Amino acid sequence: MADTKKIADKAERKKLKRTARKKAAPKAKRTTPRGSQKQKVKKLARGQSKR
């Protein structure tokens, strides 16, 4: 991504970012599923409510 910190004009900054995005090499496909490192939530006890 191009460094656009010095450009104050929003439209100009956007234009530069878009061109940089088009030039960048495409990202590789994911090898692991998204969120696989996330901590899994345990199922709560079913049936009678706790309170």
PDB file of N, CA and C in Angstrom:
ATOM      1  N   MET A   1       0.857  -1.184   0.000  1.00  0.00           N
ATOM      2  CA  MET A   1       0.000   0.000   0.000  1.00  0.00           C
ATOM      3  C   MET A   1       0.893   1.234   0.000  1.00  0.00           C
ATOM      4  N   ALA A   2       0.514   2.204  -0.761  1.00  0.00           N
ATOM      5  CA  ALA A   2       1.304   3.434  -0.868  1.00  0.00           C
ATOM      6  C   ALA A   2       1.216   4.234   0.432  1.00  0.00           C
ATOM      7  N   ASP A   3       2.282   4.958   0.739  1.00  0.00           N
ATOM      8  CA  ASP A   3       2.294   5.794   1.937  1.00  0.00           C
ATOM      9  C   ASP A   3       1.556   7.095   1.615  1.00  0.00           C
ATOM     10  N   THR A   4       0.400   7.307   2.219  1.00  0.00           N
ATOM     11  CA  THR A   4      -0.431   8.470   1.898  1.00  0.00           C
ATOM     12  C   THR A   4      -0.625   9.387   3.095  1.00  0.00           C
ATOM     13  N   LYS A   5       0.286   9.322   4.056  1.00  0.00           N
ATOM     14  CA  LYS A   5       0.135  10.149   5.259  1.00  0.00           C
ATOM     15  C   LYS A   5       0.304  11.627   4.970  1.00  0.00           C
ATOM     16  N   LYS A   6       1.156  11.959   3.994  1.00  0.00           N
ATOM     17  CA  LYS A   6       1.472  13.360   3.725  1.00  0.00           C
ATOM     18  C   LYS A   6       0.421  14.048   2.862  1.00  0.00           C
ATOM     19  N   ILE A   7      -0.465  13.281   2.221  1.00  0.00           N
ATOM     20  CA  ILE A   7      -1.475  13.868   1.338  1.00  0.00           C
ATOM     21  C   ILE A   7      -2.712  14.237   2.155  1.00  0.00           C
ATOM     22  N   ALA A   8      -3.091  15.501   2.104  1.00  0.00           N
ATOM     23  CA  ALA A   8      -4.221  15.985   2.902  1.00  0.00           C
ATOM     24  C   ALA A   8      -5.543  15.800   2.173  1.00  0.00           C
ATOM     25  N   ASP A   9      -5.525  15.895   0.833  1.00  0.00           N
ATOM     26  CA  ASP A   9      -6.752  15.792   0.055  1.00  0.00           C
ATOM     27  C   ASP A   9      -7.273  14.363   0.053  1.00  0.00           C
ATOM     28  N   LYS A  10      -8.493  14.184   0.518  1.00  0.00           N
ATOM     29  CA  LYS A  10      -9.063  12.843   0.675  1.00  0.00           C
ATOM     30  C   LYS A  10      -9.230  12.111  -0.655  1.00  0.00           C
ATOM     31  N   ALA A  11      -9.727  12.838  -1.668  1.00  0.00           N
ATOM     32  CA  ALA A  11      -9.956  12.224  -2.978  1.00  0.00           C
ATOM     33  C   ALA A  11      -8.641  11.778  -3.614  1.00  0.00           C
ATOM     34  N   GLU A  12      -7.634  12.613  -3.475  1.00  0.00           N
ATOM     35  CA  GLU A  12      -6.313  12.285  -4.036  1.00  0.00           C
ATOM     36  C   GLU A  12      -5.731  11.054  -3.350  1.00  0.00           C
ATOM     37  N   ARG A  13      -5.880  11.013  -2.026  1.00  0.00           N
ATOM     38  CA  ARG A  13      -5.382   9.877  -1.248  1.00  0.00           C
ATOM     39  C   ARG A  13      -6.070   8.588  -1.683  1.00  0.00           C
ATOM     40  N   LYS A  14      -7.371   8.668  -1.878  1.00  0.00           N
ATOM     41  CA  LYS A  14      -8.158   7.506  -2.281  1.00  0.00           C
ATOM     42  C   LYS A  14      -7.705   6.984  -3.650  1.00  0.00           C
ATOM     43  N   LYS A  15      -7.456   7.938  -4.560  1.00  0.00           N
ATOM     44  CA  LYS A  15      -7.017   7.569  -5.907  1.00  0.00           C
ATOM     45  C   LYS A  15      -5.690   6.824  -5.859  1.00  0.00           C
ATOM     46  N   LEU A  16      -4.753   7.347  -5.056  1.00  0.00           N
ATOM     47  CA  LEU A  16      -3.439   6.715  -4.933  1.00  0.00           C
ATOM     48  C   LEU A  16      -3.538   5.315  -4.341  1.00  0.00           C
ATOM     49  N   LYS A  17      -4.392   5.177  -3.325  1.00  0.00           N
ATOM     50  CA  LYS A  17      -4.557   3.863  -2.685  1.00  0.00           C
ATOM     51  C   LYS A  17      -5.137   2.842  -3.656  1.00  0.00           C
ATOM     52  N   ARG A  18      -6.118   3.283  -4.453  1.00  0.00           N
ATOM     53  CA  ARG A  18      -6.736   2.375  -5.416  1.00  0.00           C
ATOM     54  C   ARG A  18      -5.741   1.881  -6.451  1.00  0.00           C
ATOM     55  N   THR A  19      -4.932   2.807  -6.979  1.00  0.00           N
ATOM     56  CA  THR A  19      -3.939   2.394  -7.978  1.00  0.00           C
ATOM     57  C   THR A  19      -2.924   1.437  -7.365  1.00  0.00           C
ATOM     58  N   ALA A  20      -2.536   1.697  -6.117  1.00  0.00           N
ATOM     59  CA  ALA A  20      -1.581   0.823  -5.431  1.00  0.00           C
ATOM     60  C   ALA A  20      -2.176  -0.562  -5.229  1.00  0.00           C
ATOM     61  N   ARG A  21      -3.483  -0.602  -4.920  1.00  0.00           N
ATOM     62  CA  ARG A  21      -4.142  -1.884  -4.715  1.00  0.00           C
ATOM     63  C   ARG A  21      -4.201  -2.692  -6.000  1.00  0.00           C
ATOM     64  N   LYS A  22      -4.410  -1.996  -7.117  1.00  0.00           N
ATOM     65  CA  LYS A  22      -4.475  -2.692  -8.408  1.00  0.00           C
ATOM     66  C   LYS A  22      -3.122  -3.253  -8.811  1.00  0.00           C
ATOM     67  N   LYS A  23      -2.043  -2.524  -8.477  1.00  0.00           N
ATOM     68  CA  LYS A  23      -0.691  -2.953  -8.848  1.00  0.00           C
ATOM     69  C   LYS A  23      -0.200  -4.103  -7.982  1.00  0.00           C
ATOM     70  N   ALA A  24      -0.682  -4.186  -6.752  1.00  0.00           N
ATOM     71  CA  ALA A  24      -0.186  -5.191  -5.800  1.00  0.00           C
ATOM     72  C   ALA A  24      -0.470  -6.601  -6.293  1.00  0.00           C
ATOM     73  N   ALA A  25       0.425  -7.516  -5.956  1.00  0.00           N
ATOM     74  CA  ALA A  25       0.251  -8.917  -6.338  1.00  0.00           C
ATOM     75  C   ALA A  25      -0.926  -9.505  -5.581  1.00  0.00           C
ATOM     76  N   PRO A  26      -1.698 -10.386  -6.216  1.00  0.00           N
ATOM     77  CA  PRO A  26      -2.849 -10.969  -5.524  1.00  0.00           C
ATOM     78  C   PRO A  26      -2.413 -11.836  -4.349  1.00  0.00           C
ATOM     79  N   LYS A  27      -3.217 -11.786  -3.313  1.00  0.00           N
ATOM     80  CA  LYS A  27      -2.906 -12.568  -2.111  1.00  0.00           C
ATOM     81  C   LYS A  27      -3.128 -14.052  -2.392  1.00  0.00           C
ATOM     82  N   ALA A  28      -2.344 -14.884  -1.725  1.00  0.00           N
ATOM     83  CA  ALA A  28      -2.476 -16.326  -1.877  1.00  0.00           C
ATOM     84  C   ALA A  28      -3.735 -16.803  -1.180  1.00  0.00           C
ATOM     85  N   LYS A  29      -4.263 -17.936  -1.645  1.00  0.00           N
ATOM     86  CA  LYS A  29      -5.451 -18.508  -1.024  1.00  0.00           C
ATOM     87  C   LYS A  29      -5.118 -18.948   0.391  1.00  0.00           C
ATOM     88  N   ARG A  30      -6.125 -18.942   1.252  1.00  0.00           N
ATOM     89  CA  ARG A  30      -5.913 -19.335   2.645  1.00  0.00           C
ATOM     90  C   ARG A  30      -5.593 -20.824   2.736  1.00  0.00           C
ATOM     91  N   THR A  31      -4.662 -21.158   3.629  1.00  0.00           N
ATOM     92  CA  THR A  31      -4.339 -22.568   3.848  1.00  0.00           C
ATOM     93  C   THR A  31      -5.145 -23.125   5.018  1.00  0.00           C
ATOM     94  N   THR A  32      -5.478 -22.243   5.974  1.00  0.00           N
ATOM     95  CA  THR A  32      -6.286 -22.670   7.119  1.00  0.00           C
ATOM     96  C   THR A  32      -7.589 -21.897   7.089  1.00  0.00           C
ATOM     97  N   PRO A  33      -8.655 -22.452   7.603  1.00  0.00           N
ATOM     98  CA  PRO A  33      -9.917 -21.707   7.604  1.00  0.00           C
ATOM     99  C   PRO A  33      -9.858 -20.472   8.485  1.00  0.00           C
ATOM    100  N   ARG A  34     -10.628 -19.474   8.129  1.00  0.00           N
ATOM    101  CA  ARG A  34     -10.656 -18.235   8.906  1.00  0.00           C
ATOM    102  C   ARG A  34     -11.169 -18.518  10.310  1.00  0.00           C
ATOM    103  N   GLY A  35     -10.546 -17.903  11.296  1.00  0.00           N
ATOM    104  CA  GLY A  35     -10.999 -18.055  12.674  1.00  0.00           C
ATOM    105  C   GLY A  35     -10.669 -19.397  13.287  1.00  0.00           C
ATOM    106  N   SER A  36      -9.757 -20.147  12.682  1.00  0.00           N
ATOM    107  CA  SER A  36      -9.433 -21.466  13.235  1.00  0.00           C
ATOM    108  C   SER A  36      -8.650 -21.338  14.540  1.00  0.00           C
ATOM    109  N   GLN A  37      -7.968 -20.193  14.731  1.00  0.00           N
ATOM    110  CA  GLN A  37      -7.201 -19.985  15.960  1.00  0.00           C
ATOM    111  C   GLN A  37      -8.066 -19.433  17.085  1.00  0.00           C
ATOM    112  N   LYS A  38      -9.294 -19.043  16.758  1.00  0.00           N
ATOM    113  CA  LYS A  38     -10.169 -18.460  17.770  1.00  0.00           C
ATOM    114  C   LYS A  38     -10.524 -19.483  18.843  1.00  0.00           C
ATOM    115  N   GLN A  39     -10.670 -18.990  20.060  1.00  0.00           N
ATOM    116  CA  GLN A  39     -11.035 -19.883  21.149  1.00  0.00           C
ATOM    117  C   GLN A  39     -12.486 -20.304  20.983  1.00  0.00           C
ATOM    118  N   LYS A  40     -12.737 -21.583  21.096  1.00  0.00           N
ATOM    119  CA  LYS A  40     -14.087 -22.095  20.911  1.00  0.00           C
ATOM    120  C   LYS A  40     -14.914 -21.879  22.176  1.00  0.00           C
ATOM    121  N   VAL A  41     -16.199 -21.591  21.995  1.00  0.00           N
ATOM    122  CA  VAL A  41     -17.088 -21.330  23.125  1.00  0.00           C
ATOM    123  C   VAL A  41     -17.753 -22.637  23.525  1.00  0.00           C
ATOM    124  N   LYS A  42     -17.703 -22.943  24.810  1.00  0.00           N
ATOM    125  CA  LYS A  42     -18.343 -24.168  25.299  1.00  0.00           C
ATOM    126  C   LYS A  42     -19.847 -23.969  25.322  1.00  0.00           C
ATOM    127  N   LYS A  43     -20.591 -25.027  25.014  1.00  0.00           N
ATOM    128  CA  LYS A  43     -22.049 -24.962  25.073  1.00  0.00           C
ATOM    129  C   LYS A  43     -22.471 -24.942  26.545  1.00  0.00           C
ATOM    130  N   LEU A  44     -23.424 -24.098  26.864  1.00  0.00           N
ATOM    131  CA  LEU A  44     -23.917 -24.050  28.240  1.00  0.00           C
ATOM    132  C   LEU A  44     -24.840 -25.233  28.500  1.00  0.00           C
ATOM    133  N   ALA A  45     -25.050 -25.531  29.758  1.00  0.00           N
ATOM    134  CA  ALA A  45     -25.918 -26.641  30.142  1.00  0.00           C
ATOM    135  C   ALA A  45     -27.339 -26.365  29.645  1.00  0.00           C
ATOM    136  N   ARG A  46     -27.924 -27.353  29.026  1.00  0.00           N
ATOM    137  CA  ARG A  46     -29.271 -27.175  28.499  1.00  0.00           C
ATOM    138  C   ARG A  46     -30.304 -27.506  29.558  1.00  0.00           C
ATOM    139  N   GLY A  47     -31.536 -27.135  29.309  1.00  0.00           N
ATOM    140  CA  GLY A  47     -32.619 -27.491  30.218  1.00  0.00           C
ATOM    141  C   GLY A  47     -32.921 -26.386  31.199  1.00  0.00           C
ATOM    142  N   GLN A  48     -32.932 -26.749  32.480  1.00  0.00           N
ATOM    143  CA  GLN A  48     -33.348 -25.808  33.506  1.00  0.00           C
ATOM    144  C   GLN A  48     -32.433 -24.581  33.540  1.00  0.00           C
ATOM    145  N   SER A  49     -33.045 -23.400  33.672  1.00  0.00           N
ATOM    146  CA  SER A  49     -32.248 -22.187  33.690  1.00  0.00           C
ATOM    147  C   SER A  49     -31.407 -22.108  34.954  1.00  0.00           C
ATOM    148  N   LYS A  50     -30.300 -21.421  34.861  1.00  0.00           N
ATOM    149  CA  LYS A  50     -29.380 -21.368  35.987  1.00  0.00           C
ATOM    150  C   LYS A  50     -29.854 -20.436  37.088  1.00  0.00           C
ATOM    151  N   ARG A  51     -30.728 -19.473  36.728  1.00  0.00           N
ATOM    152  CA  ARG A  51     -31.195 -18.519  37.747  1.00  0.00           C
ATOM    153  C   ARG A  51     -32.695 -18.489  37.807  1.00  0.00           C
TER     154      ARG A  51
END
